[in-house]
N, C-alpha and C. Protein backbone atom coordinates (compact mmCIF):
# COMPACT_ATOMS: atom_id res chain seq x y z
N MET A 1 -1.20 15.96 7.74
CA MET A 1 -1.35 14.33 7.78
C MET A 1 -2.11 14.01 6.67
N TYR A 2 -2.19 12.68 6.00
CA TYR A 2 -2.89 11.96 5.08
C TYR A 2 -3.86 11.49 6.13
N GLU A 3 -4.78 11.10 4.89
CA GLU A 3 -5.88 9.61 5.86
C GLU A 3 -5.35 8.46 4.64
N VAL A 4 -5.37 7.18 5.53
CA VAL A 4 -5.03 5.80 4.67
C VAL A 4 -6.71 5.53 4.47
N ILE A 5 -6.47 4.73 3.27
CA ILE A 5 -8.12 4.16 3.04
C ILE A 5 -7.50 2.79 2.03
N LEU A 6 -8.07 1.96 2.63
CA LEU A 6 -7.91 -0.12 2.16
C LEU A 6 -9.12 0.10 1.16
N ASN A 7 -8.48 -0.51 0.05
CA ASN A 7 -9.82 -1.06 -0.96
C ASN A 7 -10.23 -2.14 -0.31
N LYS A 8 -11.62 -3.16 -0.76
CA LYS A 8 -11.60 -4.40 -0.17
C LYS A 8 -11.06 -5.35 -0.62
N ASP A 9 -10.10 -5.54 -1.56
CA ASP A 9 -9.03 -6.44 -2.24
C ASP A 9 -7.77 -6.02 -0.66
N ALA A 10 -7.21 -4.82 -0.48
CA ALA A 10 -6.30 -4.84 0.27
C ALA A 10 -6.94 -5.00 2.19
N MET A 11 -8.18 -4.83 1.91
CA MET A 11 -8.49 -5.27 3.55
C MET A 11 -8.62 -6.70 3.70
N ARG A 12 -9.23 -7.31 2.46
CA ARG A 12 -9.02 -8.93 2.64
C ARG A 12 -7.15 -9.11 2.75
N ALA A 13 -6.94 -8.78 1.93
CA ALA A 13 -5.22 -9.26 2.16
C ALA A 13 -4.34 -8.82 3.08
N MET A 14 -5.23 -7.72 4.35
CA MET A 14 -4.72 -7.88 5.80
C MET A 14 -4.93 -8.95 6.75
N ASP A 15 -6.73 -8.68 6.34
CA ASP A 15 -7.45 -10.00 7.26
C ASP A 15 -6.60 -11.33 7.20
N LYS A 16 -5.81 -11.59 5.74
CA LYS A 16 -5.35 -13.14 5.77
C LYS A 16 -3.67 -13.30 6.36
N MET A 17 -3.10 -12.08 6.61
CA MET A 17 -1.89 -12.08 7.10
C MET A 17 -2.13 -12.57 8.62
N PRO A 18 -0.65 -13.33 8.65
CA PRO A 18 0.04 -13.21 10.38
C PRO A 18 -0.17 -12.31 11.04
N PRO A 19 -0.45 -12.18 12.78
CA PRO A 19 -0.96 -11.44 12.86
C PRO A 19 0.83 -10.30 13.39
N LYS A 20 2.00 -11.15 13.11
CA LYS A 20 2.77 -10.10 13.28
C LYS A 20 2.86 -9.12 11.84
N ALA A 21 2.95 -10.14 10.64
CA ALA A 21 3.01 -8.76 9.56
C ALA A 21 2.09 -8.13 9.42
N ARG A 22 0.60 -8.42 10.05
CA ARG A 22 -0.55 -7.28 10.05
C ARG A 22 -0.23 -6.15 10.69
N GLU A 23 0.55 -6.19 12.12
CA GLU A 23 1.46 -5.51 13.12
C GLU A 23 2.62 -4.58 12.31
N ARG A 24 3.37 -5.15 11.11
CA ARG A 24 3.98 -4.36 10.73
C ARG A 24 3.73 -3.52 9.36
N ALA A 25 2.16 -3.93 8.85
CA ALA A 25 1.56 -3.34 8.26
C ALA A 25 1.18 -1.88 8.51
N PHE A 26 0.40 -2.60 9.82
CA PHE A 26 0.05 -1.12 10.15
C PHE A 26 0.87 0.15 10.95
N LYS A 27 1.72 -0.37 11.23
CA LYS A 27 3.31 0.45 11.89
C LYS A 27 3.13 1.49 10.57
N LEU A 28 3.56 0.53 9.48
CA LEU A 28 3.78 1.31 7.77
C LEU A 28 3.16 2.53 7.33
N LEU A 29 1.71 1.86 7.50
CA LEU A 29 0.85 2.82 6.82
C LEU A 29 0.42 4.36 7.94
N GLU A 30 0.79 3.55 9.08
CA GLU A 30 0.92 5.12 9.88
C GLU A 30 1.81 5.90 9.68
N ARG A 31 3.36 5.55 9.28
CA ARG A 31 4.34 6.38 8.45
C ARG A 31 4.01 6.76 7.36
N LEU A 32 3.38 6.22 7.02
CA LEU A 32 3.04 6.87 5.22
C LEU A 32 2.03 7.88 4.97
N LYS A 33 1.41 7.76 6.42
CA LYS A 33 0.42 9.02 6.72
C LYS A 33 1.34 10.08 6.76
N LYS A 34 2.34 10.21 7.32
CA LYS A 34 3.20 10.98 7.37
C LYS A 34 4.21 11.88 6.33
N GLU A 35 4.66 10.43 5.54
CA GLU A 35 5.50 10.68 4.18
C GLU A 35 5.10 9.89 3.23
N PRO A 36 4.09 10.35 2.82
CA PRO A 36 3.39 9.77 1.67
C PRO A 36 4.37 9.61 0.39
N GLN A 37 5.04 9.98 -0.55
CA GLN A 37 6.12 9.55 -1.19
C GLN A 37 7.22 8.91 -1.03
N GLN A 38 6.99 7.97 0.04
CA GLN A 38 8.60 7.17 0.03
C GLN A 38 8.34 5.84 -0.75
N GLY A 39 7.27 5.37 -1.05
CA GLY A 39 7.21 4.60 -2.03
C GLY A 39 7.77 5.02 -3.41
N LYS A 40 8.08 3.56 -4.54
CA LYS A 40 8.50 3.61 -5.18
C LYS A 40 7.47 4.03 -6.40
N ARG A 41 7.82 4.56 -7.15
CA ARG A 41 7.03 4.98 -8.73
C ARG A 41 6.94 3.88 -9.37
N LEU A 42 5.55 3.78 -9.47
CA LEU A 42 5.65 2.35 -11.01
C LEU A 42 5.35 3.02 -12.66
N HIS A 43 5.61 2.35 -13.32
CA HIS A 43 5.60 2.62 -14.38
C HIS A 43 4.56 1.80 -15.44
N GLY A 44 4.48 2.16 -16.63
CA GLY A 44 3.84 1.49 -17.58
C GLY A 44 2.24 1.31 -16.94
N GLU A 45 1.14 0.62 -16.86
CA GLU A 45 0.23 0.30 -17.00
C GLU A 45 -0.26 0.44 -15.56
N LEU A 46 0.99 0.30 -14.80
CA LEU A 46 0.52 1.20 -13.45
C LEU A 46 0.97 2.40 -13.21
N GLU A 47 1.26 3.41 -14.15
CA GLU A 47 1.72 4.60 -13.57
C GLU A 47 0.66 5.61 -13.17
N GLY A 48 1.20 6.31 -12.21
CA GLY A 48 0.50 6.70 -11.48
C GLY A 48 0.01 6.39 -10.06
N LEU A 49 0.59 5.26 -9.81
CA LEU A 49 0.32 4.27 -8.19
C LEU A 49 2.62 4.02 -8.06
N LEU A 50 2.48 3.83 -6.69
CA LEU A 50 3.26 3.67 -5.84
C LEU A 50 3.58 1.99 -5.12
N SER A 51 4.91 2.06 -4.81
CA SER A 51 4.92 0.49 -4.30
C SER A 51 5.79 0.94 -2.83
N LEU A 52 5.12 0.00 -2.00
CA LEU A 52 6.49 -0.28 -1.02
C LEU A 52 6.14 -1.24 -0.16
N ARG A 53 7.81 -1.79 0.61
CA ARG A 53 8.34 -3.06 0.47
C ARG A 53 7.36 -3.32 2.05
N LEU A 54 7.12 -4.20 2.12
CA LEU A 54 6.65 -5.14 3.73
C LEU A 54 7.02 -6.25 3.37
N GLY A 55 8.50 -6.41 3.76
CA GLY A 55 8.97 -7.53 3.54
C GLY A 55 8.95 -8.12 2.51
N LEU A 56 8.46 -9.61 2.41
CA LEU A 56 8.41 -10.04 0.74
C LEU A 56 6.70 -9.73 0.18
N ARG A 57 6.01 -8.84 0.68
CA ARG A 57 4.92 -8.44 0.31
C ARG A 57 5.39 -7.05 -0.16
N ARG A 58 4.59 -6.18 -1.09
CA ARG A 58 4.32 -4.84 -1.78
C ARG A 58 2.67 -4.57 -1.21
N ILE A 59 2.99 -3.19 -0.91
CA ILE A 59 1.70 -2.39 -0.67
C ILE A 59 1.78 -1.43 -1.93
N VAL A 60 0.59 -1.68 -3.10
CA VAL A 60 0.71 -0.72 -4.04
C VAL A 60 -0.62 0.61 -3.75
N TYR A 61 -0.48 1.60 -3.80
CA TYR A 61 -1.14 2.65 -3.53
C TYR A 61 -1.08 4.28 -4.31
N GLU A 62 -2.13 4.99 -4.14
CA GLU A 62 -2.10 6.11 -5.02
C GLU A 62 -2.48 7.01 -4.02
N ILE A 63 -1.35 8.67 -4.08
CA ILE A 63 -1.94 9.32 -3.19
C ILE A 63 -2.96 10.36 -4.21
N ASP A 64 -3.83 10.95 -3.40
CA ASP A 64 -4.38 12.12 -3.86
C ASP A 64 -4.62 13.45 -2.48
N ASN A 65 -3.49 14.09 -3.48
CA ASN A 65 -3.06 15.55 -2.64
C ASN A 65 -4.39 16.28 -2.32
N LYS A 66 -5.47 16.28 -3.39
CA LYS A 66 -6.23 17.61 -3.18
C LYS A 66 -7.10 16.89 -1.77
N GLN A 67 -6.94 15.98 -1.30
CA GLN A 67 -7.90 15.30 -0.67
C GLN A 67 -7.32 14.55 0.49
N ASN A 68 -6.05 14.80 0.77
CA ASN A 68 -4.86 14.34 1.39
C ASN A 68 -5.45 12.71 1.97
N LEU A 69 -5.46 11.98 0.65
CA LEU A 69 -5.97 10.68 1.17
C LEU A 69 -4.80 10.02 0.66
N ILE A 70 -4.63 8.63 0.80
CA ILE A 70 -3.65 7.74 0.76
C ILE A 70 -4.86 6.41 0.62
N VAL A 71 -4.98 5.91 -1.05
CA VAL A 71 -5.79 4.58 -1.51
C VAL A 71 -4.72 3.43 -1.34
N ILE A 72 -5.19 2.65 -0.42
CA ILE A 72 -4.28 1.33 -0.58
C ILE A 72 -5.35 0.24 -1.61
N HIS A 73 -4.45 0.24 -2.78
CA HIS A 73 -5.38 -0.79 -4.11
C HIS A 73 -4.84 -2.29 -3.63
N ALA A 74 -3.32 -2.57 -2.77
CA ALA A 74 -3.52 -3.82 -3.22
C ALA A 74 -2.22 -4.25 -2.41
N ILE A 75 -2.23 -5.22 -1.71
CA ILE A 75 -1.32 -5.62 -0.43
C ILE A 75 -0.94 -7.17 -0.83
N GLY A 76 0.25 -7.63 -1.41
CA GLY A 76 0.06 -9.07 -1.87
C GLY A 76 1.85 -9.23 -1.90
N PRO A 77 2.05 -10.66 -2.35
CA PRO A 77 3.63 -11.19 -2.95
C PRO A 77 4.08 -10.39 -3.87
N ARG A 78 5.19 -10.18 -3.71
CA ARG A 78 5.99 -9.53 -5.05
C ARG A 78 5.68 -10.03 -6.08
N GLY A 79 6.07 -11.29 -6.03
CA GLY A 79 5.32 -11.66 -7.68
C GLY A 79 4.55 -11.71 -8.14
N ASP A 80 3.41 -11.78 -7.45
CA ASP A 80 2.15 -11.58 -7.95
C ASP A 80 1.60 -10.17 -7.63
N ILE A 81 1.78 -9.38 -7.07
CA ILE A 81 1.38 -7.98 -7.36
C ILE A 81 1.41 -7.26 -8.20
N TYR A 82 2.36 -6.89 -9.25
CA TYR A 82 1.77 -6.13 -10.59
C TYR A 82 1.44 -6.62 -11.60
N LYS A 83 0.69 -8.04 -11.00
CA LYS A 83 -0.18 -8.56 -12.30
C LYS A 83 -1.61 -8.44 -12.48
N ARG A 84 -1.76 -7.31 -11.32
CA ARG A 84 -3.19 -7.29 -11.13
C ARG A 84 -3.75 -6.41 -12.21
């Protein structure tokens, strides 16, 4: 099983979420620990990252298979998340 780590931006985004959305995010991250490849592979400047849907939000993350880590880089609205 993988370990999930949130960077500062992702932690800030989680703190700003309404409680129900935050609860859904935590459940999704628990599933991600078991199946890290479930996200959609990103292209272009974001190549190497994956994106996972969370309602109208997206979770952008990276998998480190050598260390069994999933690093969450960003959580945010679909329209804005890919511009970072």
